[in-house]
N, C-alpha and C. Protein backbone atom coordinates (compact mmCIF):
# COMPACT_ATOMS: atom_id res chain seq x y z
N MET A 1 0.77 -1.31 -0.07
CA MET A 1 0.23 0.01 -0.15
C MET A 1 0.80 1.09 -0.07
N ASN A 2 0.42 2.02 -1.13
CA ASN A 2 1.11 3.49 -0.61
C ASN A 2 0.37 4.23 0.10
N TRP A 3 1.05 4.71 1.51
CA TRP A 3 0.65 5.31 1.99
C TRP A 3 0.60 6.72 2.03
N MET A 4 1.58 7.75 0.56
CA MET A 4 1.00 8.75 0.49
C MET A 4 -0.33 9.08 -0.60
N GLU A 5 -0.51 7.79 -1.04
CA GLU A 5 -1.73 7.63 -1.92
C GLU A 5 -3.05 7.90 -1.23
N ASP A 6 -2.59 6.73 0.30
CA ASP A 6 -3.97 6.77 0.86
C ASP A 6 -4.16 7.45 2.21
N GLN A 7 -5.05 8.43 2.21
CA GLN A 7 -5.43 9.47 3.25
C GLN A 7 -6.13 8.83 4.65
N HIS A 8 -6.93 7.67 4.37
CA HIS A 8 -7.13 6.82 5.33
C HIS A 8 -7.14 5.52 6.44
N PHE A 9 -5.73 5.35 5.48
CA PHE A 9 -5.17 4.19 6.34
C PHE A 9 -4.96 3.97 7.71
N ASP A 10 -4.93 2.83 7.83
CA ASP A 10 -5.53 2.20 10.01
C ASP A 10 -4.15 2.43 10.34
N PRO A 11 -3.77 3.44 11.15
CA PRO A 11 -2.16 3.66 11.58
C PRO A 11 -1.96 2.66 12.71
N VAL A 12 -1.49 1.86 12.03
CA VAL A 12 -1.15 0.19 13.22
C VAL A 12 -0.03 0.25 12.74
N LEU A 13 1.13 0.17 14.23
CA LEU A 13 2.35 0.16 13.88
C LEU A 13 2.50 -1.87 14.29
N PRO A 14 3.62 -2.39 14.20
CA PRO A 14 3.58 -4.09 14.12
C PRO A 14 3.79 -4.19 15.61
N ASP A 15 2.83 -5.00 15.50
CA ASP A 15 2.49 -5.65 17.47
C ASP A 15 3.16 -6.75 17.66
N PHE A 16 4.48 -6.59 18.16
CA PHE A 16 5.15 -7.27 19.14
C PHE A 16 6.31 -6.75 19.87
N GLU A 17 6.17 -7.26 20.93
CA GLU A 17 7.13 -6.79 22.43
C GLU A 17 8.68 -7.36 22.31
N ILE A 18 9.72 -6.69 23.02
CA ILE A 18 11.01 -6.80 23.24
C ILE A 18 11.15 -6.91 25.03
N ARG A 19 11.08 -8.09 25.34
CA ARG A 19 10.79 -8.34 26.84
C ARG A 19 11.80 -8.55 27.34
N GLY A 20 12.29 -7.57 28.67
CA GLY A 20 13.51 -8.22 29.29
C GLY A 20 12.79 -8.07 31.11
N SER A 21 13.99 -8.35 32.12
CA SER A 21 13.52 -8.58 33.52
C SER A 21 12.12 -7.84 33.92
N ARG A 22 12.81 -6.68 33.71
CA ARG A 22 12.25 -5.18 34.57
C ARG A 22 11.14 -4.67 33.73
N ILE A 23 11.40 -5.13 32.78
CA ILE A 23 10.81 -3.76 31.38
C ILE A 23 10.45 -3.96 30.16
N LEU A 24 9.44 -3.69 29.05
CA LEU A 24 9.18 -4.46 27.76
C LEU A 24 8.83 -3.10 27.22
N LEU A 25 9.48 -3.36 25.86
CA LEU A 25 9.46 -2.25 25.10
C LEU A 25 8.91 -2.78 23.82
N ARG A 26 7.93 -1.69 22.96
CA ARG A 26 7.21 -2.00 21.97
C ARG A 26 6.71 -0.77 21.27
N PRO A 27 5.94 -0.87 20.28
CA PRO A 27 5.94 0.10 19.46
C PRO A 27 4.59 0.59 19.99
N PRO A 28 4.40 2.01 19.49
CA PRO A 28 2.86 2.75 20.06
C PRO A 28 2.00 2.12 19.41
N LYS A 29 1.33 2.12 20.39
CA LYS A 29 -0.39 1.80 19.92
C LYS A 29 -1.91 3.03 19.96
N VAL A 30 -2.69 2.70 19.23
CA VAL A 30 -3.49 3.78 19.22
C VAL A 30 -4.08 4.21 20.54
N GLN A 31 -4.23 3.11 20.99
CA GLN A 31 -4.42 3.09 22.27
C GLN A 31 -4.25 3.67 23.37
N ASP A 32 -2.79 3.74 23.49
CA ASP A 32 -1.91 3.97 24.28
C ASP A 32 -2.26 6.16 24.54
N GLU A 33 -2.85 6.66 23.64
CA GLU A 33 -3.11 7.73 23.87
C GLU A 33 -3.50 8.13 25.39
N GLY A 34 -3.94 8.22 25.69
CA GLY A 34 -4.49 8.74 27.70
C GLY A 34 -2.66 8.61 28.63
N GLU A 35 -2.50 7.42 28.23
CA GLU A 35 -1.86 7.21 28.99
C GLU A 35 -0.28 8.22 28.74
N TRP A 36 -0.11 8.02 27.46
CA TRP A 36 1.34 9.15 27.17
C TRP A 36 1.08 10.45 27.19
N ILE A 37 0.10 10.76 26.96
CA ILE A 37 -0.96 11.95 27.52
C ILE A 37 -0.27 12.59 28.69
N ASP A 38 -1.01 11.66 29.62
CA ASP A 38 -0.67 11.82 31.14
C ASP A 38 0.54 12.04 31.32
N LEU A 39 1.68 11.16 30.97
CA LEU A 39 2.69 10.99 31.54
C LEU A 39 3.83 12.20 30.64
N ARG A 40 3.53 12.40 29.18
CA ARG A 40 3.91 13.80 29.14
C ARG A 40 3.89 15.04 29.91
N SER A 41 2.21 15.17 30.19
CA SER A 41 1.59 16.41 30.88
C SER A 41 2.67 16.16 32.21
N ARG A 42 2.92 15.11 33.16
CA ARG A 42 3.35 15.56 34.06
C ARG A 42 5.12 15.86 33.98
N ASN A 43 5.76 15.12 32.73
CA ASN A 43 6.70 15.78 32.76
C ASN A 43 7.44 16.97 31.96
N LYS A 44 6.37 17.49 31.60
CA LYS A 44 6.45 18.71 30.97
C LYS A 44 7.58 19.65 31.18
N GLU A 45 7.73 19.66 32.51
CA GLU A 45 8.68 20.89 32.86
C GLU A 45 9.96 20.06 33.09
N TYR A 46 10.02 18.83 33.77
CA TYR A 46 11.19 18.23 33.65
C TYR A 46 12.17 17.91 32.28
N LEU A 47 11.35 17.73 30.98
CA LEU A 47 12.10 17.48 29.65
C LEU A 47 12.11 18.76 29.20
N THR A 48 11.22 19.46 29.23
CA THR A 48 11.25 20.69 28.23
C THR A 48 12.81 20.78 27.91
N PRO A 49 13.80 21.07 28.51
CA PRO A 49 15.03 21.31 28.91
C PRO A 49 15.76 20.69 27.96
N PHE A 50 15.45 19.40 27.62
CA PHE A 50 16.55 18.27 26.49
C PHE A 50 15.44 17.86 25.54
N GLU A 51 15.13 18.43 25.07
CA GLU A 51 13.88 18.35 23.40
C GLU A 51 13.84 19.51 22.76
N PRO A 52 13.14 19.10 21.87
CA PRO A 52 12.42 20.52 21.24
C PRO A 52 11.81 20.84 21.29
N ALA A 53 11.37 22.25 20.67
CA ALA A 53 10.44 22.95 21.55
C ALA A 53 9.02 21.81 21.19
N TRP A 54 8.08 21.90 22.22
CA TRP A 54 7.41 21.55 22.15
C TRP A 54 5.60 22.54 21.75
N SER A 55 4.92 21.86 20.91
CA SER A 55 4.16 23.01 20.19
C SER A 55 2.86 23.11 20.47
N ARG A 56 2.12 23.66 20.55
CA ARG A 56 0.89 24.42 21.21
C ARG A 56 0.09 22.99 21.63
N ASP A 57 0.22 22.26 20.46
CA ASP A 57 -1.02 20.83 20.71
C ASP A 57 -0.06 19.35 20.92
N ALA A 58 1.27 20.17 22.09
CA ALA A 58 1.92 18.51 21.55
C ALA A 58 1.33 17.87 23.18
N LEU A 59 0.62 18.16 23.85
CA LEU A 59 -0.75 17.14 24.93
C LEU A 59 -2.03 16.90 24.52
N SER A 60 -2.01 17.03 23.25
CA SER A 60 -3.68 17.13 22.58
C SER A 60 -3.84 15.77 22.37
N PRO A 61 -5.17 14.90 21.81
CA PRO A 61 -5.27 13.88 20.87
C PRO A 61 -4.94 13.65 19.78
N ALA A 62 -5.30 14.84 19.11
CA ALA A 62 -5.05 14.79 17.63
C ALA A 62 -2.98 14.95 17.24
N PHE A 63 -2.24 15.68 18.29
CA PHE A 63 -0.89 15.62 18.04
C PHE A 63 -0.25 13.70 18.08
N PHE A 64 -0.73 13.34 19.43
CA PHE A 64 -0.71 12.18 19.25
C PHE A 64 -0.76 11.18 18.32
N GLN A 65 -2.13 11.31 17.91
CA GLN A 65 -2.41 10.65 16.37
C GLN A 65 -1.36 10.91 14.99
N ARG A 66 -1.43 12.03 15.12
CA ARG A 66 -0.41 12.66 14.04
C ARG A 66 1.08 11.45 14.22
N ARG A 67 1.51 12.00 15.68
CA ARG A 67 2.63 11.40 15.69
C ARG A 67 2.66 9.51 15.13
N ILE A 68 1.45 8.95 15.47
CA ILE A 68 1.76 7.38 15.49
C ILE A 68 1.84 7.51 13.87
N ILE A 69 1.22 8.38 13.11
CA ILE A 69 0.71 7.93 11.57
C ILE A 69 2.54 8.31 11.00
N ARG A 70 3.05 9.37 11.48
CA ARG A 70 4.07 9.37 11.45
C ARG A 70 5.46 8.29 11.61
N GLN A 71 5.31 8.19 12.92
CA GLN A 71 5.80 6.61 12.85
C GLN A 71 5.35 5.49 11.96
N ARG A 72 4.67 5.21 11.77
CA ARG A 72 4.25 3.94 11.40
C ARG A 72 4.73 4.21 9.58
N ARG A 73 4.76 5.41 9.03
CA ARG A 73 5.17 5.95 7.84
C ARG A 73 6.77 5.20 7.68
N ASP A 74 7.58 6.15 9.09
CA ASP A 74 8.66 5.78 9.14
C ASP A 74 9.63 4.06 9.40
N TRP A 75 8.74 4.23 9.95
CA TRP A 75 9.01 2.30 10.42
C TRP A 75 8.60 1.35 8.71
N ALA A 76 7.76 2.09 8.36
CA ALA A 76 7.26 0.81 7.11
C ALA A 76 8.35 1.51 5.76
N GLN A 77 9.17 2.65 5.92
CA GLN A 77 10.22 3.44 4.80
C GLN A 77 11.72 2.89 5.94
N ASP A 78 11.56 2.23 6.60
CA ASP A 78 12.83 1.82 7.10
C ASP A 78 13.58 3.47 7.67
N ARG A 79 13.08 4.16 7.64
CA ARG A 79 13.68 5.86 8.50
C ARG A 79 13.81 5.84 9.88
N ALA A 80 12.89 5.26 10.87
CA ALA A 80 13.04 5.25 12.28
C ALA A 80 12.21 4.64 12.90
N TYR A 81 12.68 4.14 14.14
CA TYR A 81 11.85 2.90 14.62
C TYR A 81 11.85 3.22 15.84
N SER A 82 10.33 4.07 16.28
CA SER A 82 9.99 3.87 17.80
C SER A 82 9.27 3.26 19.07
N PHE A 83 9.74 3.02 20.41
CA PHE A 83 9.07 2.09 20.70
C PHE A 83 9.26 2.89 22.70
N LEU A 84 7.63 2.58 22.87
CA LEU A 84 7.30 3.20 24.47
C LEU A 84 7.74 2.15 25.63
N ILE A 85 8.64 2.55 26.47
CA ILE A 85 8.86 1.67 27.26
C ILE A 85 8.22 1.47 28.83
N PHE A 86 7.66 0.11 29.02
CA PHE A 86 6.88 -0.03 30.06
C PHE A 86 7.35 -1.02 31.08
N ARG A 87 6.90 -0.35 32.03
CA ARG A 87 7.89 -0.91 33.81
C ARG A 87 6.64 -2.61 33.44
N HIS A 88 7.13 -3.64 34.13
CA HIS A 88 6.17 -4.85 34.11
C HIS A 88 5.14 -4.38 35.72
N ALA A 89 3.84 -5.19 35.12
CA ALA A 89 3.36 -4.97 36.22
C ALA A 89 3.31 -5.48 37.33
N ALA A 90 2.92 -5.06 38.57
CA ALA A 90 3.09 -6.07 39.71
C ALA A 90 2.41 -7.15 40.41
N SER A 91 1.39 -7.13 40.00
CA SER A 91 0.25 -8.43 40.04
C SER A 91 0.12 -8.46 38.91
N ALA A 92 -1.21 -9.92 38.65
CA ALA A 92 -1.74 -10.17 37.52
C ALA A 92 -2.88 -9.60 37.41
N ASP A 93 -3.19 -8.79 38.09
CA ASP A 93 -4.66 -7.52 37.57
C ASP A 93 -3.87 -6.64 37.54
N GLU A 94 -2.83 -5.93 37.19
CA GLU A 94 -2.76 -4.49 36.84
C GLU A 94 -1.86 -4.58 35.68
N LYS A 95 -1.62 -4.11 34.79
CA LYS A 95 -1.26 -3.90 33.38
C LYS A 95 0.05 -2.98 33.26
N PRO A 96 0.92 -3.53 32.16
CA PRO A 96 2.15 -2.73 32.51
C PRO A 96 1.79 -0.57 32.45
N LYS A 97 3.31 -0.60 32.90
CA LYS A 97 3.35 0.61 33.34
C LYS A 97 3.30 1.69 32.44
N MET A 98 3.41 2.38 31.66
CA MET A 98 4.15 3.27 31.15
C MET A 98 5.36 4.73 31.71
N ILE A 99 6.56 3.98 31.48
CA ILE A 99 7.51 5.07 31.89
C ILE A 99 8.21 6.34 31.26
N GLY A 100 8.14 5.80 29.45
CA GLY A 100 8.90 6.60 28.89
C GLY A 100 9.11 6.09 27.38
N GLY A 101 10.21 6.21 26.91
CA GLY A 101 10.47 5.86 25.23
C GLY A 101 11.53 6.40 24.55
N MET A 102 11.46 5.94 23.56
CA MET A 102 13.21 5.48 23.09
C MET A 102 13.03 5.32 21.28
N ASN A 103 13.50 5.96 20.54
CA ASN A 103 13.68 5.79 19.28
C ASN A 103 15.38 5.78 18.54
N ILE A 104 15.26 5.32 17.89
CA ILE A 104 15.75 4.62 16.52
C ILE A 104 16.33 5.13 15.35
N ASN A 105 16.59 6.97 15.29
CA ASN A 105 15.84 7.84 14.27
C ASN A 105 17.24 7.88 13.30
N ASN A 106 16.81 8.64 12.15
CA ASN A 106 17.55 8.87 10.83
C ASN A 106 18.52 7.57 10.81
N VAL A 107 18.12 6.61 10.57
CA VAL A 107 18.47 4.95 10.26
C VAL A 107 19.26 5.09 8.62
N CYS A 108 20.33 5.04 8.51
CA CYS A 108 21.05 4.89 7.52
C CYS A 108 21.24 4.56 6.98
N ARG A 109 21.47 3.61 5.71
CA ARG A 109 22.35 2.43 4.81
C ARG A 109 22.73 2.44 4.06
N GLY A 110 22.86 1.60 2.92
CA GLY A 110 23.87 1.86 1.92
C GLY A 110 25.41 0.97 3.14
N ALA A 111 26.49 2.13 2.26
CA ALA A 111 27.55 1.51 2.58
C ALA A 111 27.58 2.34 4.16
N ALA A 112 26.83 3.24 5.28
CA ALA A 112 26.91 3.29 6.42
C ALA A 112 26.37 2.54 7.60
N GLN A 113 24.78 1.52 7.41
CA GLN A 113 24.49 1.32 8.35
C GLN A 113 24.13 1.66 9.73
N PHE A 114 23.60 2.92 10.16
CA PHE A 114 24.01 3.42 11.86
C PHE A 114 22.30 3.40 11.57
N GLY A 115 22.05 3.98 13.09
CA GLY A 115 20.90 5.00 13.93
C GLY A 115 21.05 5.93 14.63
N SER A 116 20.42 6.70 14.58
CA SER A 116 20.84 7.84 15.90
C SER A 116 19.56 7.69 16.97
N LEU A 117 20.12 7.53 18.52
CA LEU A 117 19.21 7.64 18.99
C LEU A 117 18.37 8.89 20.08
N GLY A 118 17.01 8.56 20.60
CA GLY A 118 16.36 9.45 20.99
C GLY A 118 15.79 8.95 22.20
N TYR A 119 15.55 8.87 23.48
CA TYR A 119 15.23 8.85 24.04
C TYR A 119 14.79 9.47 25.96
N TRP A 120 13.60 9.12 26.52
CA TRP A 120 13.07 10.03 27.10
C TRP A 120 12.40 8.83 28.41
N LEU A 121 12.44 9.77 30.12
CA LEU A 121 12.05 8.76 31.13
C LEU A 121 11.52 10.04 31.99
N ASP A 122 10.64 8.75 32.10
CA ASP A 122 9.87 9.60 33.81
C ASP A 122 10.14 9.78 34.54
N GLU A 123 10.09 11.42 35.16
CA GLU A 123 11.35 11.93 36.48
C GLU A 123 10.97 10.67 37.52
N TRP A 124 9.87 10.47 37.68
CA TRP A 124 9.99 9.72 38.98
C TRP A 124 10.30 8.07 39.03
N HIS A 125 11.06 7.63 37.61
CA HIS A 125 11.66 6.25 37.72
C HIS A 125 13.41 6.46 36.99
N GLN A 126 13.48 7.38 37.18
CA GLN A 126 14.97 7.57 37.42
C GLN A 126 15.68 7.48 38.46
N GLY A 127 16.74 6.71 37.95
CA GLY A 127 18.33 6.58 39.22
C GLY A 127 18.08 4.56 39.20
N GLN A 128 16.62 4.39 38.87
CA GLN A 128 16.49 3.11 38.92
C GLN A 128 16.77 1.93 37.93
N GLY A 129 17.66 2.54 37.04
CA GLY A 129 18.44 1.13 36.02
C GLY A 129 17.36 1.02 34.80
N TYR A 130 16.09 1.70 34.69
CA TYR A 130 15.34 1.52 33.94
C TYR A 130 15.86 1.71 32.15
N MET A 131 15.83 2.89 32.33
CA MET A 131 16.96 2.85 31.00
C MET A 131 17.64 2.46 30.25
N ARG A 132 18.82 2.47 31.12
CA ARG A 132 19.86 1.17 30.92
C ARG A 132 19.57 -0.10 30.54
N ALA A 133 18.86 -0.55 30.90
CA ALA A 133 17.76 -1.91 30.77
C ALA A 133 17.51 -1.78 28.95
N ALA A 134 16.34 -0.68 28.98
CA ALA A 134 15.86 -0.25 28.05
C ALA A 134 17.29 -0.24 26.79
N LEU A 135 18.14 0.50 27.58
CA LEU A 135 19.33 1.14 26.23
C LEU A 135 19.98 -0.39 25.61
N ARG A 136 20.07 -1.19 26.36
CA ARG A 136 20.75 -2.39 26.15
C ARG A 136 19.41 -3.37 25.45
N MET A 137 18.78 -3.29 25.88
CA MET A 137 17.31 -4.00 24.62
C MET A 137 17.53 -3.56 23.26
N ILE A 138 17.60 -2.56 23.31
CA ILE A 138 17.98 -1.25 21.96
C ILE A 138 18.57 -2.32 20.99
N ILE A 139 20.01 -2.35 21.34
CA ILE A 139 20.95 -2.71 21.06
C ILE A 139 21.01 -3.93 20.36
N TYR A 140 20.91 -4.73 21.41
CA TYR A 140 20.50 -5.87 21.00
C TYR A 140 19.32 -6.27 19.92
N PHE A 141 18.19 -5.65 19.81
CA PHE A 141 17.22 -5.12 18.34
C PHE A 141 17.93 -4.71 17.09
N SER A 142 19.07 -3.33 17.38
CA SER A 142 19.83 -2.88 16.08
C SER A 142 20.46 -4.00 15.44
N TYR A 143 20.81 -4.44 16.17
CA TYR A 143 21.85 -5.51 15.60
C TYR A 143 22.02 -6.55 15.51
N ASN A 144 20.37 -7.39 15.68
CA ASN A 144 20.00 -8.77 15.49
C ASN A 144 19.09 -8.84 14.46
N GLU A 145 17.91 -7.45 14.80
CA GLU A 145 17.10 -7.48 13.56
C GLU A 145 17.02 -6.44 12.61
N LEU A 146 17.51 -5.01 13.30
CA LEU A 146 17.69 -4.13 11.87
C LEU A 146 18.74 -4.11 11.45
N LYS A 147 19.88 -4.95 11.55
CA LYS A 147 20.96 -5.22 11.34
C LYS A 147 21.74 -4.06 10.83
N LEU A 148 21.93 -2.80 12.15
CA LEU A 148 23.28 -1.91 12.06
C LEU A 148 24.08 -2.68 12.32
N HIS A 149 25.06 -1.37 12.22
CA HIS A 149 26.73 -1.63 12.58
C HIS A 149 26.52 -0.69 13.73
N ARG A 150 26.15 -0.02 13.76
CA ARG A 150 27.00 1.06 15.07
C ARG A 150 25.18 2.37 15.66
N LEU A 151 25.44 2.53 16.15
CA LEU A 151 24.40 3.63 16.91
C LEU A 151 24.80 5.17 17.35
N ASN A 152 24.07 5.84 16.60
CA ASN A 152 24.91 7.14 17.35
C ASN A 152 23.90 8.04 18.15
N ALA A 153 24.55 8.77 19.16
CA ALA A 153 23.67 9.85 20.51
C ALA A 153 24.42 10.80 20.19
N SER A 154 24.04 11.63 21.05
CA SER A 154 24.44 13.14 20.94
C SER A 154 23.69 13.30 22.29
N VAL A 155 24.68 14.33 23.37
CA VAL A 155 24.16 14.55 24.35
C VAL A 155 24.24 15.89 24.90
N LEU A 156 23.53 16.53 25.72
CA LEU A 156 23.65 18.30 26.15
C LEU A 156 24.61 18.43 26.88
N PRO A 157 26.24 19.07 26.66
CA PRO A 157 27.36 18.77 27.95
C PRO A 157 26.97 19.32 28.98
N ASP A 158 25.95 20.02 29.69
CA ASP A 158 25.51 19.24 31.05
C ASP A 158 24.82 18.45 31.33
N ASN A 159 24.44 17.43 30.48
CA ASN A 159 23.58 16.37 30.81
C ASN A 159 24.24 15.17 31.44
N ASP A 160 24.80 15.09 32.56
CA ASP A 160 25.71 14.56 32.98
C ASP A 160 24.86 12.75 32.74
N LYS A 161 24.06 12.80 33.27
CA LYS A 161 23.13 11.30 33.54
C LYS A 161 23.32 10.90 32.76
N SER A 162 22.88 11.54 31.26
CA SER A 162 22.52 10.72 29.58
C SER A 162 24.28 10.31 29.33
N GLN A 163 25.16 11.53 30.06
CA GLN A 163 26.33 11.02 29.63
C GLN A 163 26.85 9.77 29.79
N ASN A 164 27.00 9.50 31.75
CA ASN A 164 27.45 8.78 32.05
C ASN A 164 26.80 6.85 31.62
N LEU A 165 25.16 7.63 31.36
CA LEU A 165 24.46 6.17 31.03
C LEU A 165 25.00 5.62 29.45
N LEU A 166 25.23 6.64 28.43
CA LEU A 166 25.93 5.92 27.00
C LEU A 166 27.43 5.61 27.72
N LEU A 167 28.38 5.84 28.47
CA LEU A 167 29.53 5.45 29.18
C LEU A 167 29.42 3.96 29.64
N ARG A 168 28.37 3.46 30.35
CA ARG A 168 28.07 3.16 31.37
C ARG A 168 27.98 1.59 30.43
N VAL A 169 27.23 1.92 29.43
CA VAL A 169 26.68 0.88 28.27
C VAL A 169 27.49 0.28 27.13
N GLY A 170 28.30 1.26 27.40
CA GLY A 170 29.72 0.91 26.18
C GLY A 170 30.07 1.74 25.08
N PHE A 171 29.13 3.15 25.04
CA PHE A 171 29.30 4.08 24.04
C PHE A 171 30.83 4.82 24.14
N GLU A 172 31.32 5.55 23.27
CA GLU A 172 32.72 6.20 23.61
C GLU A 172 32.15 7.68 23.01
N GLU A 173 32.87 8.28 23.66
CA GLU A 173 32.14 9.99 23.49
C GLU A 173 34.27 10.20 21.74
N GLU A 174 33.02 10.19 21.04
CA GLU A 174 33.65 10.90 19.91
C GLU A 174 33.82 12.39 19.09
N GLY A 175 33.52 13.46 19.90
CA GLY A 175 33.52 14.58 18.93
C GLY A 175 32.58 15.53 19.93
N PHE A 176 32.60 16.72 19.35
CA PHE A 176 31.84 18.04 19.96
C PHE A 176 31.21 18.58 18.55
N ALA A 177 29.80 18.79 18.38
CA ALA A 177 29.24 19.35 17.52
C ALA A 177 29.33 20.90 18.01
N LYS A 178 29.52 21.60 17.96
CA LYS A 178 28.50 23.14 17.25
C LYS A 178 27.21 23.09 16.82
N SER A 179 26.51 24.34 17.95
CA SER A 179 24.65 24.22 17.90
C SER A 179 24.06 23.38 16.91
N TYR A 180 24.52 22.23 17.48
CA TYR A 180 24.02 21.25 16.48
C TYR A 180 22.63 20.76 16.05
N ILE A 181 21.51 20.91 17.54
CA ILE A 181 20.29 20.64 17.42
C ILE A 181 19.63 21.43 17.98
N GLU A 182 18.56 22.20 17.52
CA GLU A 182 17.31 23.04 18.26
C GLU A 182 16.64 22.59 19.16
N ILE A 183 16.97 22.82 20.52
CA ILE A 183 16.80 22.33 21.79
C ILE A 183 15.71 23.38 22.30
N ASN A 184 14.19 23.72 22.73
CA ASN A 184 13.80 24.23 23.41
C ASN A 184 14.11 25.52 22.76
N ASN A 185 13.70 25.49 21.56
CA ASN A 185 13.98 27.29 20.47
C ASN A 185 15.25 27.44 20.64
N LEU A 186 16.54 26.37 21.13
CA LEU A 186 17.60 27.60 20.78
C LEU A 186 18.35 26.07 20.21
N TRP A 187 19.89 26.71 19.54
CA TRP A 187 20.46 25.83 19.06
C TRP A 187 21.36 25.55 19.53
N GLN A 188 22.00 24.21 19.94
CA GLN A 188 22.86 24.24 21.37
C GLN A 188 23.45 22.96 20.52
N ASP A 189 24.78 23.14 21.52
CA ASP A 189 26.00 22.12 21.47
C ASP A 189 26.09 20.96 21.81
N HIS A 190 26.54 19.69 21.68
CA HIS A 190 26.03 18.27 21.64
C HIS A 190 26.98 17.86 21.79
N ILE A 191 27.70 17.01 22.52
CA ILE A 191 28.89 16.36 22.70
C ILE A 191 28.15 14.87 22.25
N LEU A 192 28.88 14.65 21.09
CA LEU A 192 28.64 13.25 20.30
C LEU A 192 29.10 11.45 20.86
N TYR A 193 28.24 10.99 20.81
CA TYR A 193 28.77 9.21 21.24
C TYR A 193 28.91 8.28 20.74
N GLY A 194 29.22 6.91 20.06
CA GLY A 194 29.03 6.21 19.66
C GLY A 194 29.33 4.59 19.76
N LEU A 195 28.35 3.46 19.04
CA LEU A 195 29.26 2.52 19.54
C LEU A 195 28.81 0.97 18.58
N VAL A 196 30.17 0.53 17.94
CA VAL A 196 30.02 -0.52 17.35
C VAL A 196 29.04 -1.63 17.67
N LEU A 197 28.10 -2.00 17.22
CA LEU A 197 27.61 -3.07 17.67
C LEU A 197 27.91 -4.40 17.38
N ARG A 198 28.97 -4.88 16.54
CA ARG A 198 29.79 -5.65 16.57
C ARG A 198 30.41 -6.18 17.36
N ASP A 199 30.95 -4.72 18.67
CA ASP A 199 31.88 -4.15 19.94
C ASP A 199 31.51 -4.95 21.06
N PHE A 200 30.25 -4.27 20.47
CA PHE A 200 29.25 -4.33 22.26
C PHE A 200 28.83 -5.92 22.60
N MET A 201 28.10 -6.76 21.67
CA MET A 201 28.17 -8.13 21.13
C MET A 201 29.53 -9.05 21.29
N GLU A 202 30.67 -8.25 20.81
CA GLU A 202 31.81 -9.64 21.12
C GLU A 202 31.88 -9.06 22.70
N SER A 203 31.64 -8.16 23.61
CA SER A 203 32.20 -7.58 24.72
C SER A 203 31.22 -8.90 25.52
N GLU A 204 29.64 -8.65 25.33
CA GLU A 204 28.71 -9.16 26.23
C GLU A 204 28.89 -10.64 26.04
N GLN A 205 29.95 -11.26 25.03
CA GLN A 205 30.22 -12.89 24.63
C GLN A 205 30.82 -13.22 26.07
N GLN A 206 31.95 -12.24 26.21
CA GLN A 206 33.16 -12.11 27.02
C GLN A 206 32.84 -12.48 28.17
N ILE A 207 31.82 -11.83 28.66
CA ILE A 207 31.40 -11.57 30.10
C ILE A 207 30.68 -13.18 30.63
């Protein structure tokens, strides 16, 4: 189906999960709308300094639906892969709790074979190892399923928490980019990190 010619396609992403011992990752679903809006609303003040400027309707159902449609298009065209992060339910009577998101953006094929990471986590779940677990799961997915050669990430110079996360997982600092990405309405410098996925997998086998 050519989505460019069909404005009425069903905005559904692949239905699968990447399960870990504490969390699961899966593509967004239309029914995630309410929980996603609530979570982002609660974290707006916390996340704003680290993200591109939020549009006026960034917490509206219409925005979420447009986002789902774009994510389905990007997935189908092998351009980007979006996941939501859920903490496992504490009991059989509960459902998994959404706590953040992670994207593999700007996938480049040909001789490059890389993608760029973006991620965010609920402020209340910081410092508990959830993002480190999610990042490791995405690395395995990128290597085994997407067959990427490397992952890139960029971090604001004063974001020590994110820099330490990348280093702990195995990323290496590779450079500095001046006025690199527009964050919160300002073009801001970023520190660049990279991970060669084969090196990561080989180091895992030695543990």
